[in-house]
Amino acid sequence: MNMLSIQGLTKTYANSTRALDSVDLEIPKGLFGLLGPNGAGKSTLMRTLATLQRPDAGTIQFEGIDVLANPHAARKVLGYLPQEFGVYPHVSAEALLNHFAVLKGFTHRGRRRESVQALLHKTNLWEHRRKAVSGFSGGMRQRFGVAQALLGNPRLLIVDEPTAGLDPAERQRFLDLICEVGEQVAVIFSTHLVEDVRELCPNMAILNQGRVLLTGKPAACIAEMQGQVWQRSCERAELAALQQEHQVISTKRRAGKIVLHILADKQPAGWEASQADLDDVYFAALR
């Protein structure tokens, strides 16, 4: 059952940039990956879903709530972790999370304290609760962002480019946390990193230049490409001619060589079969 329905969402900024172009998406419970390059329109979509800006056209329905007509009701059931967020200097994690809880309407002091403490434990920040958030590492700061987004037990969590800049260990801790959250609610996970979607999301969409290029389950999208992806290595001098001759999906460096992946119905001479993966799906959709 789809929890979030987006129909015909369009947004054009004052400089004539069309950030969203008739976006249609049906998003079920669980982790939904929104994959696309920088500038694809992902953050515009996230801000619109979070009721921080209005589109020029379209509708958003979440569990019977008309999000655009009734943003106040929508805010009661959603949590939002933006790509970047500021914090007060010298304020501890516990004090700042308590402050956010007050802003979200937690008027009962005892229940507010219980909720704050539970979220600090859930995000593995309990031992750091008296430290200033402004001094946190990138991964700790993102986990604090999840804690504030989860205040009030939201049924929709919107997470915008959360792993950008995290080291591998911090990224893994963050993904483990988001995966746990996704077992209970709908989570829209915006990223430009294919591995984030590959590791986490049972459903996804690829967005570029404000348009949805592809939607589906990653495994099914990969299966559709099997038998159509071919590879070979080449020297730099050969690259331009091969790009003219074939439908190149991607070029990668491997052990100092350039490795090309192409899309073709039949095996071209001099090319070998390649097991399709989500990188191939992504780059084929973009190209």
C-alpha atoms as a PDB file:
ATOM      1  CA  MET A   1       0.000   0.000   0.000  1.00  0.00           C
ATOM      2  CA  ASN A   2       1.355   3.415  -0.982  1.00  0.00           C
ATOM      3  CA  MET A   3       1.546   5.907   1.884  1.00  0.00           C
ATOM      4  CA  LEU A   4       2.601   8.954  -0.172  1.00  0.00           C
ATOM      5  CA  SER A   5       1.222   9.937  -3.571  1.00  0.00           C
ATOM      6  CA  ILE A   6       2.800  12.733  -5.624  1.00  0.00           C
ATOM      7  CA  GLN A   7       1.076  13.798  -8.835  1.00  0.00           C
ATOM      8  CA  GLY A   8       2.136  16.385 -11.426  1.00  0.00           C
ATOM      9  CA  LEU A   9       4.486  18.273  -9.098  1.00  0.00           C
ATOM     10  CA  THR A  10       6.049  21.223 -10.934  1.00  0.00           C
ATOM     11  CA  LYS A  11       8.294  24.034  -9.688  1.00  0.00           C
ATOM     12  CA  THR A  12      10.018  26.779 -11.679  1.00  0.00           C
ATOM     13  CA  TYR A  13      12.202  29.332  -9.913  1.00  0.00           C
ATOM     14  CA  ALA A  14      12.392  33.059 -10.685  1.00  0.00           C
ATOM     15  CA  ASN A  15      15.524  32.541 -12.808  1.00  0.00           C
ATOM     16  CA  SER A  16      13.443  30.265 -15.111  1.00  0.00           C
ATOM     17  CA  THR A  17      15.082  27.087 -13.791  1.00  0.00           C
ATOM     18  CA  ARG A  18      12.506  24.294 -13.851  1.00  0.00           C
ATOM     19  CA  ALA A  19      13.525  22.284 -10.791  1.00  0.00           C
ATOM     20  CA  LEU A  20      10.541  19.900 -10.940  1.00  0.00           C
ATOM     21  CA  ASP A  21       8.780  18.923 -14.159  1.00  0.00           C
ATOM     22  CA  SER A  22       5.483  17.031 -13.626  1.00  0.00           C
ATOM     23  CA  VAL A  23       6.873  14.618 -11.033  1.00  0.00           C
ATOM     24  CA  ASP A  24       4.674  11.570 -10.338  1.00  0.00           C
ATOM     25  CA  LEU A  25       5.687   9.148  -7.571  1.00  0.00           C
ATOM     26  CA  GLU A  26       3.942   6.507  -5.455  1.00  0.00           C
ATOM     27  CA  ILE A  27       5.913   5.800  -2.283  1.00  0.00           C
ATOM     28  CA  PRO A  28       5.154   2.857   0.036  1.00  0.00           C
ATOM     29  CA  LYS A  29       6.179   2.254   3.636  1.00  0.00           C
ATOM     30  CA  GLY A  30       9.889   1.570   4.080  1.00  0.00           C
ATOM     31  CA  LEU A  31      13.000   3.050   2.519  1.00  0.00           C
ATOM     32  CA  PHE A  32      12.542   4.761  -0.830  1.00  0.00           C
ATOM     33  CA  GLY A  33      15.705   5.938  -2.585  1.00  0.00           C
ATOM     34  CA  LEU A  34      15.569   9.131  -4.634  1.00  0.00           C
ATOM     35  CA  LEU A  35      18.707   8.933  -6.737  1.00  0.00           C
ATOM     36  CA  GLY A  36      20.103  11.637  -8.987  1.00  0.00           C
ATOM     37  CA  PRO A  37      23.108  13.879  -9.652  1.00  0.00           C
ATOM     38  CA  ASN A  38      23.632  17.241  -7.990  1.00  0.00           C
ATOM     39  CA  GLY A  39      21.148  19.735  -9.402  1.00  0.00           C
ATOM     40  CA  ALA A  40      18.605  17.056 -10.354  1.00  0.00           C
ATOM     41  CA  GLY A  41      15.826  18.647  -8.282  1.00  0.00           C
ATOM     42  CA  LYS A  42      16.046  16.292  -5.309  1.00  0.00           C
ATOM     43  CA  SER A  43      16.359  19.001  -2.645  1.00  0.00           C
ATOM     44  CA  THR A  44      13.520  20.996  -4.222  1.00  0.00           C
ATOM     45  CA  LEU A  45      11.313  17.923  -3.990  1.00  0.00           C
ATOM     46  CA  MET A  46      12.388  17.272  -0.382  1.00  0.00           C
ATOM     47  CA  ARG A  47      11.655  20.869   0.673  1.00  0.00           C
ATOM     48  CA  THR A  48       8.288  20.753  -1.059  1.00  0.00           C
ATOM     49  CA  LEU A  49       7.324  17.515   0.679  1.00  0.00           C
ATOM     50  CA  ALA A  50       8.451  19.048   3.979  1.00  0.00           C
ATOM     51  CA  THR A  51       6.030  21.986   3.364  1.00  0.00           C
ATOM     52  CA  LEU A  52       8.891  24.509   3.281  1.00  0.00           C
ATOM     53  CA  GLN A  53       7.952  25.749  -0.190  1.00  0.00           C
ATOM     54  CA  ARG A  54       4.973  25.473  -2.494  1.00  0.00           C
ATOM     55  CA  PRO A  55       5.032  24.052  -6.018  1.00  0.00           C
ATOM     56  CA  ASP A  56       3.532  25.802  -9.016  1.00  0.00           C
ATOM     57  CA  ALA A  57       1.286  22.834  -9.729  1.00  0.00           C
ATOM     58  CA  GLY A  58       0.556  19.293  -8.541  1.00  0.00           C
ATOM     59  CA  THR A  59      -0.752  17.443  -5.514  1.00  0.00           C
ATOM     60  CA  ILE A  60       0.742  15.593  -2.531  1.00  0.00           C
ATOM     61  CA  GLN A  61      -1.351  13.144  -0.504  1.00  0.00           C
ATOM     62  CA  PHE A  62      -0.050  11.372   2.585  1.00  0.00           C
ATOM     63  CA  GLU A  63      -2.331   8.928   4.421  1.00  0.00           C
ATOM     64  CA  GLY A  64      -5.410  10.968   3.583  1.00  0.00           C
ATOM     65  CA  ILE A  65      -3.790  14.349   4.257  1.00  0.00           C
ATOM     66  CA  ASP A  66      -3.715  16.893   1.446  1.00  0.00           C
ATOM     67  CA  VAL A  67      -0.210  18.162   2.218  1.00  0.00           C
ATOM     68  CA  LEU A  68      -0.444  21.354   0.152  1.00  0.00           C
ATOM     69  CA  ALA A  69      -3.926  22.312   1.371  1.00  0.00           C
ATOM     70  CA  ASN A  70      -3.236  21.418   5.003  1.00  0.00           C
ATOM     71  CA  PRO A  71       0.494  21.814   5.707  1.00  0.00           C
ATOM     72  CA  HIS A  72      -0.079  22.158   9.461  1.00  0.00           C
ATOM     73  CA  ALA A  73      -1.580  18.650   9.624  1.00  0.00           C
ATOM     74  CA  ALA A  74       1.254  17.303   7.472  1.00  0.00           C
ATOM     75  CA  ARG A  75       3.933  18.761   9.759  1.00  0.00           C
ATOM     76  CA  LYS A  76       2.490  16.798  12.677  1.00  0.00           C
ATOM     77  CA  VAL A  77       3.264  13.487  10.985  1.00  0.00           C
ATOM     78  CA  LEU A  78       6.577  14.177   9.224  1.00  0.00           C
ATOM     79  CA  GLY A  79      10.199  14.549  10.218  1.00  0.00           C
ATOM     80  CA  TYR A  80      12.794  16.313   8.087  1.00  0.00           C
ATOM     81  CA  LEU A  81      16.569  16.084   7.981  1.00  0.00           C
ATOM     82  CA  PRO A  82      17.825  18.721   5.501  1.00  0.00           C
ATOM     83  CA  GLN A  83      21.099  18.504   3.626  1.00  0.00           C
ATOM     84  CA  GLU A  84      22.597  21.090   5.975  1.00  0.00           C
ATOM     85  CA  PHE A  85      21.325  22.424   9.276  1.00  0.00           C
ATOM     86  CA  GLY A  86      22.700  24.916  11.774  1.00  0.00           C
ATOM     87  CA  VAL A  87      22.948  24.534  15.547  1.00  0.00           C
ATOM     88  CA  TYR A  88      23.443  26.891  18.454  1.00  0.00           C
ATOM     89  CA  PRO A  89      27.072  27.083  19.592  1.00  0.00           C
ATOM     90  CA  HIS A  90      27.970  25.683  23.039  1.00  0.00           C
ATOM     91  CA  VAL A  91      24.553  23.993  23.477  1.00  0.00           C
ATOM     92  CA  SER A  92      24.623  20.318  24.437  1.00  0.00           C
ATOM     93  CA  ALA A  93      22.872  17.618  22.450  1.00  0.00           C
ATOM     94  CA  GLU A  94      20.431  16.928  25.264  1.00  0.00           C
ATOM     95  CA  ALA A  95      19.550  20.603  25.795  1.00  0.00           C
ATOM     96  CA  LEU A  96      19.162  21.266  22.066  1.00  0.00           C
ATOM     97  CA  LEU A  97      17.001  18.196  21.502  1.00  0.00           C
ATOM     98  CA  ASN A  98      14.856  19.266  24.460  1.00  0.00           C
ATOM     99  CA  HIS A  99      14.520  22.721  22.873  1.00  0.00           C
ATOM    100  CA  PHE A 100      13.375  21.167  19.569  1.00  0.00           C
ATOM    101  CA  ALA A 101      10.892  19.023  21.488  1.00  0.00           C
ATOM    102  CA  VAL A 102       9.386  22.165  23.040  1.00  0.00           C
ATOM    103  CA  LEU A 103       9.080  23.711  19.569  1.00  0.00           C
ATOM    104  CA  LYS A 104       7.305  20.557  18.379  1.00  0.00           C
ATOM    105  CA  GLY A 105       4.706  20.901  21.109  1.00  0.00           C
ATOM    106  CA  PHE A 106       5.951  18.584  23.861  1.00  0.00           C
ATOM    107  CA  THR A 107       4.432  20.477  26.790  1.00  0.00           C
ATOM    108  CA  HIS A 108       4.595  17.720  29.419  1.00  0.00           C
ATOM    109  CA  ARG A 109       8.074  17.938  30.960  1.00  0.00           C
ATOM    110  CA  GLY A 110       8.288  14.289  32.050  1.00  0.00           C
ATOM    111  CA  ARG A 111       7.183  12.884  28.682  1.00  0.00           C
ATOM    112  CA  ARG A 112       9.462  15.302  26.872  1.00  0.00           C
ATOM    113  CA  ARG A 113      12.433  14.140  28.946  1.00  0.00           C
ATOM    114  CA  GLU A 114      11.581  10.484  28.294  1.00  0.00           C
ATOM    115  CA  SER A 115      11.322  11.091  24.546  1.00  0.00           C
ATOM    116  CA  VAL A 116      14.595  13.037  24.391  1.00  0.00           C
ATOM    117  CA  GLN A 117      16.470  10.389  26.359  1.00  0.00           C
ATOM    118  CA  ALA A 118      15.011   7.548  24.281  1.00  0.00           C
ATOM    119  CA  LEU A 119      16.094   9.233  21.027  1.00  0.00           C
ATOM    120  CA  LEU A 120      19.605   9.898  22.315  1.00  0.00           C
ATOM    121  CA  HIS A 121      19.895   6.186  23.107  1.00  0.00           C
ATOM    122  CA  LYS A 122      18.393   5.193  19.742  1.00  0.00           C
ATOM    123  CA  THR A 123      20.896   7.309  17.820  1.00  0.00           C
ATOM    124  CA  ASN A 124      23.855   6.189  20.000  1.00  0.00           C
ATOM    125  CA  LEU A 125      24.436   9.711  21.306  1.00  0.00           C
ATOM    126  CA  TRP A 126      23.655   9.089  24.974  1.00  0.00           C
ATOM    127  CA  GLU A 127      27.318   9.108  26.019  1.00  0.00           C
ATOM    128  CA  HIS A 128      27.765  12.414  24.171  1.00  0.00           C
ATOM    129  CA  ARG A 129      24.556  14.065  25.394  1.00  0.00           C
ATOM    130  CA  ARG A 130      26.379  16.768  27.387  1.00  0.00           C
ATOM    131  CA  LYS A 131      28.711  17.713  24.535  1.00  0.00           C
ATOM    132  CA  ALA A 132      27.979  20.679  22.241  1.00  0.00           C
ATOM    133  CA  VAL A 133      26.461  19.589  18.922  1.00  0.00           C
ATOM    134  CA  SER A 134      28.552  22.259  17.180  1.00  0.00           C
ATOM    135  CA  GLY A 135      31.629  20.177  18.068  1.00  0.00           C
ATOM    136  CA  PHE A 136      30.245  16.874  16.804  1.00  0.00           C
ATOM    137  CA  SER A 137      31.810  14.949  13.937  1.00  0.00           C
ATOM    138  CA  GLY A 138      29.867  14.794  10.676  1.00  0.00           C
ATOM    139  CA  GLY A 139      28.388  11.393  11.441  1.00  0.00           C
ATOM    140  CA  MET A 140      27.390  12.314  14.999  1.00  0.00           C
ATOM    141  CA  ARG A 141      25.809  15.493  13.738  1.00  0.00           C
ATOM    142  CA  GLN A 142      23.756  13.580  11.175  1.00  0.00           C
ATOM    143  CA  ARG A 143      22.626  11.130  13.854  1.00  0.00           C
ATOM    144  CA  PHE A 144      21.544  14.099  15.964  1.00  0.00           C
ATOM    145  CA  GLY A 145      19.642  15.335  12.905  1.00  0.00           C
ATOM    146  CA  VAL A 146      17.789  12.015  12.783  1.00  0.00           C
ATOM    147  CA  ALA A 147      17.001  12.319  16.505  1.00  0.00           C
ATOM    148  CA  GLN A 148      15.352  15.728  16.039  1.00  0.00           C
ATOM    149  CA  ALA A 149      13.526  14.491  12.939  1.00  0.00           C
ATOM    150  CA  LEU A 150      12.083  11.564  14.920  1.00  0.00           C
ATOM    151  CA  LEU A 151      10.621  13.745  17.661  1.00  0.00           C
ATOM    152  CA  GLY A 152       6.887  13.106  17.832  1.00  0.00           C
ATOM    153  CA  ASN A 153       7.095   9.669  16.156  1.00  0.00           C
ATOM    154  CA  PRO A 154       6.576  10.849  12.552  1.00  0.00           C
ATOM    155  CA  ARG A 155       5.067   8.478   9.994  1.00  0.00           C
ATOM    156  CA  LEU A 156       7.037  10.071   7.143  1.00  0.00           C
ATOM    157  CA  LEU A 157      10.760  10.820   7.364  1.00  0.00           C
ATOM    158  CA  ILE A 158      12.381  13.008   4.687  1.00  0.00           C
ATOM    159  CA  VAL A 159      16.182  12.708   4.555  1.00  0.00           C
ATOM    160  CA  ASP A 160      18.131  14.859   2.080  1.00  0.00           C
ATOM    161  CA  GLU A 161      21.676  13.813   1.022  1.00  0.00           C
ATOM    162  CA  PRO A 162      22.571  12.572   4.528  1.00  0.00           C
ATOM    163  CA  THR A 163      25.783  10.646   3.787  1.00  0.00           C
ATOM    164  CA  ALA A 164      27.626  13.336   1.794  1.00  0.00           C
ATOM    165  CA  GLY A 165      30.997  13.973   3.431  1.00  0.00           C
ATOM    166  CA  LEU A 166      30.825  11.118   5.959  1.00  0.00           C
ATOM    167  CA  ASP A 167      33.777   8.769   6.342  1.00  0.00           C
ATOM    168  CA  PRO A 168      33.053   5.049   5.706  1.00  0.00           C
ATOM    169  CA  ALA A 169      32.572   4.124   9.380  1.00  0.00           C
ATOM    170  CA  GLU A 170      30.274   7.086  10.103  1.00  0.00           C
ATOM    171  CA  ARG A 171      28.340   6.408   6.909  1.00  0.00           C
ATOM    172  CA  GLN A 172      27.729   2.793   7.912  1.00  0.00           C
ATOM    173  CA  ARG A 173      26.513   3.755  11.392  1.00  0.00           C
ATOM    174  CA  PHE A 174      24.162   6.292   9.857  1.00  0.00           C
ATOM    175  CA  LEU A 175      22.799   3.821   7.284  1.00  0.00           C
ATOM    176  CA  ASP A 176      22.202   1.223   9.996  1.00  0.00           C
ATOM    177  CA  LEU A 177      20.145   3.781  11.919  1.00  0.00           C
ATOM    178  CA  ILE A 178      18.093   4.817   8.870  1.00  0.00           C
ATOM    179  CA  CYS A 179      17.491   1.163   7.986  1.00  0.00           C
ATOM    180  CA  GLU A 180      16.101   0.543  11.474  1.00  0.00           C
ATOM    181  CA  VAL A 181      13.823   3.587  11.201  1.00  0.00           C
ATOM    182  CA  GLY A 182      12.619   2.425   7.773  1.00  0.00           C
ATOM    183  CA  GLU A 183      11.151  -0.739   9.284  1.00  0.00           C
ATOM    184  CA  GLN A 184       8.471   1.376  10.970  1.00  0.00           C
ATOM    185  CA  VAL A 185       7.693   4.364   8.717  1.00  0.00           C
ATOM    186  CA  ALA A 186       8.003   5.692   5.163  1.00  0.00           C
ATOM    187  CA  VAL A 187      11.489   7.133   4.595  1.00  0.00           C
ATOM    188  CA  ILE A 188      12.400   9.129   1.481  1.00  0.00           C
ATOM    189  CA  PHE A 189      16.178   8.988   1.171  1.00  0.00           C
ATOM    190  CA  SER A 190      17.651  11.477  -1.308  1.00  0.00           C
ATOM    191  CA  THR A 191      21.200  10.789  -2.502  1.00  0.00           C
ATOM    192  CA  HIS A 192      23.587  11.063  -5.444  1.00  0.00           C
ATOM    193  CA  LEU A 193      25.439   7.917  -4.302  1.00  0.00           C
ATOM    194  CA  VAL A 194      24.347   4.703  -6.015  1.00  0.00           C
ATOM    195  CA  GLU A 195      25.758   2.588  -3.175  1.00  0.00           C
ATOM    196  CA  ASP A 196      23.367   4.218  -0.674  1.00  0.00           C
ATOM    197  CA  VAL A 197      20.366   2.997  -2.661  1.00  0.00           C
ATOM    198  CA  ARG A 198      21.942  -0.372  -3.454  1.00  0.00           C
ATOM    199  CA  GLU A 199      22.577  -1.091   0.227  1.00  0.00           C
ATOM    200  CA  LEU A 200      19.329   0.264   1.678  1.00  0.00           C
ATOM    201  CA  CYS A 201      16.329   0.748  -0.546  1.00  0.00           C
ATOM    202  CA  PRO A 202      13.819  -1.849  -1.785  1.00  0.00           C
ATOM    203  CA  ASN A 203      12.213   0.844  -3.973  1.00  0.00           C
ATOM    204  CA  MET A 204      13.721   3.774  -5.846  1.00  0.00           C
ATOM    205  CA  ALA A 205      13.339   6.492  -8.454  1.00  0.00           C
ATOM    206  CA  ILE A 206      15.963   8.202 -10.598  1.00  0.00           C
ATOM    207  CA  LEU A 207      15.508  11.962 -11.002  1.00  0.00           C
ATOM    208  CA  ASN A 208      17.377  14.299 -13.330  1.00  0.00           C
ATOM    209  CA  GLN A 209      16.652  17.843 -14.535  1.00  0.00           C
ATOM    210  CA  GLY A 210      13.440  17.766 -12.537  1.00  0.00           C
ATOM    211  CA  ARG A 211      12.048  14.690 -14.302  1.00  0.00           C
ATOM    212  CA  VAL A 212      11.514  11.142 -13.076  1.00  0.00           C
ATOM    213  CA  LEU A 213      13.491   8.940 -15.473  1.00  0.00           C
ATOM    214  CA  LEU A 214      12.823   5.554 -13.881  1.00  0.00           C
ATOM    215  CA  THR A 215      11.011   4.020 -10.910  1.00  0.00           C
ATOM    216  CA  GLY A 216      10.980   0.490  -9.564  1.00  0.00           C
ATOM    217  CA  LYS A 217      12.739  -2.049  -7.393  1.00  0.00           C
ATOM    218  CA  PRO A 218      16.530  -1.991  -7.849  1.00  0.00           C
ATOM    219  CA  ALA A 219      16.712  -5.770  -8.289  1.00  0.00           C
ATOM    220  CA  ALA A 220      14.032  -5.736 -10.987  1.00  0.00           C
ATOM    221  CA  CYS A 221      15.657  -2.816 -12.820  1.00  0.00           C
ATOM    222  CA  ILE A 222      18.999  -4.663 -12.807  1.00  0.00           C
ATOM    223  CA  ALA A 223      17.374  -7.883 -14.040  1.00  0.00           C
ATOM    224  CA  GLU A 224      15.892  -6.046 -17.041  1.00  0.00           C
ATOM    225  CA  MET A 225      19.392  -5.028 -18.160  1.00  0.00           C
ATOM    226  CA  GLN A 226      21.015  -8.451 -17.899  1.00  0.00           C
ATOM    227  CA  GLY A 227      22.394  -9.611 -21.230  1.00  0.00           C
ATOM    228  CA  GLN A 228      22.579  -6.061 -22.593  1.00  0.00           C
ATOM    229  CA  VAL A 229      25.701  -4.727 -20.840  1.00  0.00           C
ATOM    230  CA  TRP A 230      29.159  -5.285 -22.353  1.00  0.00           C
ATOM    231  CA  GLN A 231      32.603  -4.116 -21.305  1.00  0.00           C
ATOM    232  CA  ARG A 232      36.172  -3.726 -22.512  1.00  0.00           C
ATOM    233  CA  SER A 233      39.239  -1.777 -21.507  1.00  0.00           C
ATOM    234  CA  CYS A 234      40.875   0.730 -23.797  1.00  0.00           C
ATOM    235  CA  GLU A 235      43.606   3.300 -24.072  1.00  0.00           C
ATOM    236  CA  ARG A 236      42.792   6.986 -23.877  1.00  0.00           C
ATOM    237  CA  ALA A 237      43.514   7.397 -27.620  1.00  0.00           C
ATOM    238  CA  GLU A 238      40.730   4.890 -28.444  1.00  0.00           C
ATOM    239  CA  LEU A 239      38.100   6.420 -26.172  1.00  0.00           C
ATOM    240  CA  ALA A 240      36.592   9.056 -28.475  1.00  0.00           C
ATOM    241  CA  ALA A 241      36.098   6.613 -31.379  1.00  0.00           C
ATOM    242  CA  LEU A 242      34.468   3.997 -29.129  1.00  0.00           C
ATOM    243  CA  GLN A 243      32.119   6.611 -27.686  1.00  0.00           C
ATOM    244  CA  GLN A 244      31.058   7.543 -31.209  1.00  0.00           C
ATOM    245  CA  GLU A 245      30.536   3.920 -32.236  1.00  0.00           C
ATOM    246  CA  HIS A 246      28.675   2.560 -29.183  1.00  0.00           C
ATOM    247  CA  GLN A 247      26.049   3.566 -26.640  1.00  0.00           C
ATOM    248  CA  VAL A 248      28.439   4.095 -23.739  1.00  0.00           C
ATOM    249  CA  ILE A 249      26.864   3.881 -20.279  1.00  0.00           C
ATOM    250  CA  SER A 250      29.929   4.657 -18.197  1.00  0.00           C
ATOM    251  CA  THR A 251      33.702   4.954 -18.197  1.00  0.00           C
ATOM    252  CA  LYS A 252      35.687   3.867 -15.151  1.00  0.00           C
ATOM    253  CA  ARG A 253      39.324   3.633 -14.171  1.00  0.00           C
ATOM    254  CA  ARG A 254      40.583   0.215 -13.136  1.00  0.00           C
ATOM    255  CA  ALA A 255      44.278  -0.493 -12.488  1.00  0.00           C
ATOM    256  CA  GLY A 256      45.245   2.461 -14.664  1.00  0.00           C
ATOM    257  CA  LYS A 257      43.095   1.342 -17.585  1.00  0.00           C
ATOM    258  CA  ILE A 258      39.862   2.903 -18.847  1.00  0.00           C
ATOM    259  CA  VAL A 259      36.994   0.398 -18.685  1.00  0.00           C
ATOM    260  CA  LEU A 260      33.914   1.113 -20.794  1.00  0.00           C
ATOM    261  CA  HIS A 261      30.422  -0.258 -20.237  1.00  0.00           C
ATOM    262  CA  ILE A 262      28.054  -0.118 -23.206  1.00  0.00           C
ATOM    263  CA  LEU A 263      24.430  -1.049 -23.833  1.00  0.00           C
ATOM    264  CA  ALA A 264      23.681  -3.305 -26.825  1.00  0.00           C
ATOM    265  CA  ASP A 265      21.192  -6.059 -27.664  1.00  0.00           C
ATOM    266  CA  LYS A 266      23.918  -8.287 -29.134  1.00  0.00           C
ATOM    267  CA  GLN A 267      27.548  -8.806 -28.191  1.00  0.00           C
ATOM    268  CA  PRO A 268      29.805  -6.536 -30.294  1.00  0.00           C
ATOM    269  CA  ALA A 269      33.096  -7.944 -31.553  1.00  0.00           C
ATOM    270  CA  GLY A 270      35.878  -7.390 -29.048  1.00  0.00           C
ATOM    271  CA  TRP A 271      33.569  -6.877 -26.066  1.00  0.00           C
ATOM    272  CA  GLU A 272      32.830  -9.252 -23.197  1.00  0.00           C
ATOM    273  CA  ALA A 273      29.626  -9.739 -21.228  1.00  0.00           C
ATOM    274  CA  SER A 274      29.326  -7.753 -17.987  1.00  0.00           C
ATOM    275  CA  GLN A 275      27.027  -8.550 -15.095  1.00  0.00           C
ATOM    276  CA  ALA A 276      24.636  -5.594 -14.910  1.00  0.00           C
ATOM    277  CA  ASP A 277      24.469  -3.710 -11.628  1.00  0.00           C
ATOM    278  CA  LEU A 278      22.735  -0.631 -10.232  1.00  0.00           C
ATOM    279  CA  ASP A 279      25.503   1.643 -11.518  1.00  0.00           C
ATOM    280  CA  ASP A 280      24.642   0.497 -15.044  1.00  0.00           C
ATOM    281  CA  VAL A 281      20.933   1.131 -14.450  1.00  0.00           C
ATOM    282  CA  TYR A 282      21.672   4.607 -13.101  1.00  0.00           C
ATOM    283  CA  PHE A 283      24.073   5.722 -15.823  1.00  0.00           C
ATOM    284  CA  ALA A 284      21.904   4.268 -18.577  1.00  0.00           C
ATOM    285  CA  ALA A 285      18.913   6.216 -17.277  1.00  0.00           C
ATOM    286  CA  LEU A 286      20.911   9.459 -17.144  1.00  0.00           C
ATOM    287  CA  ARG A 287      22.303   9.010 -20.663  1.00  0.00           C
END
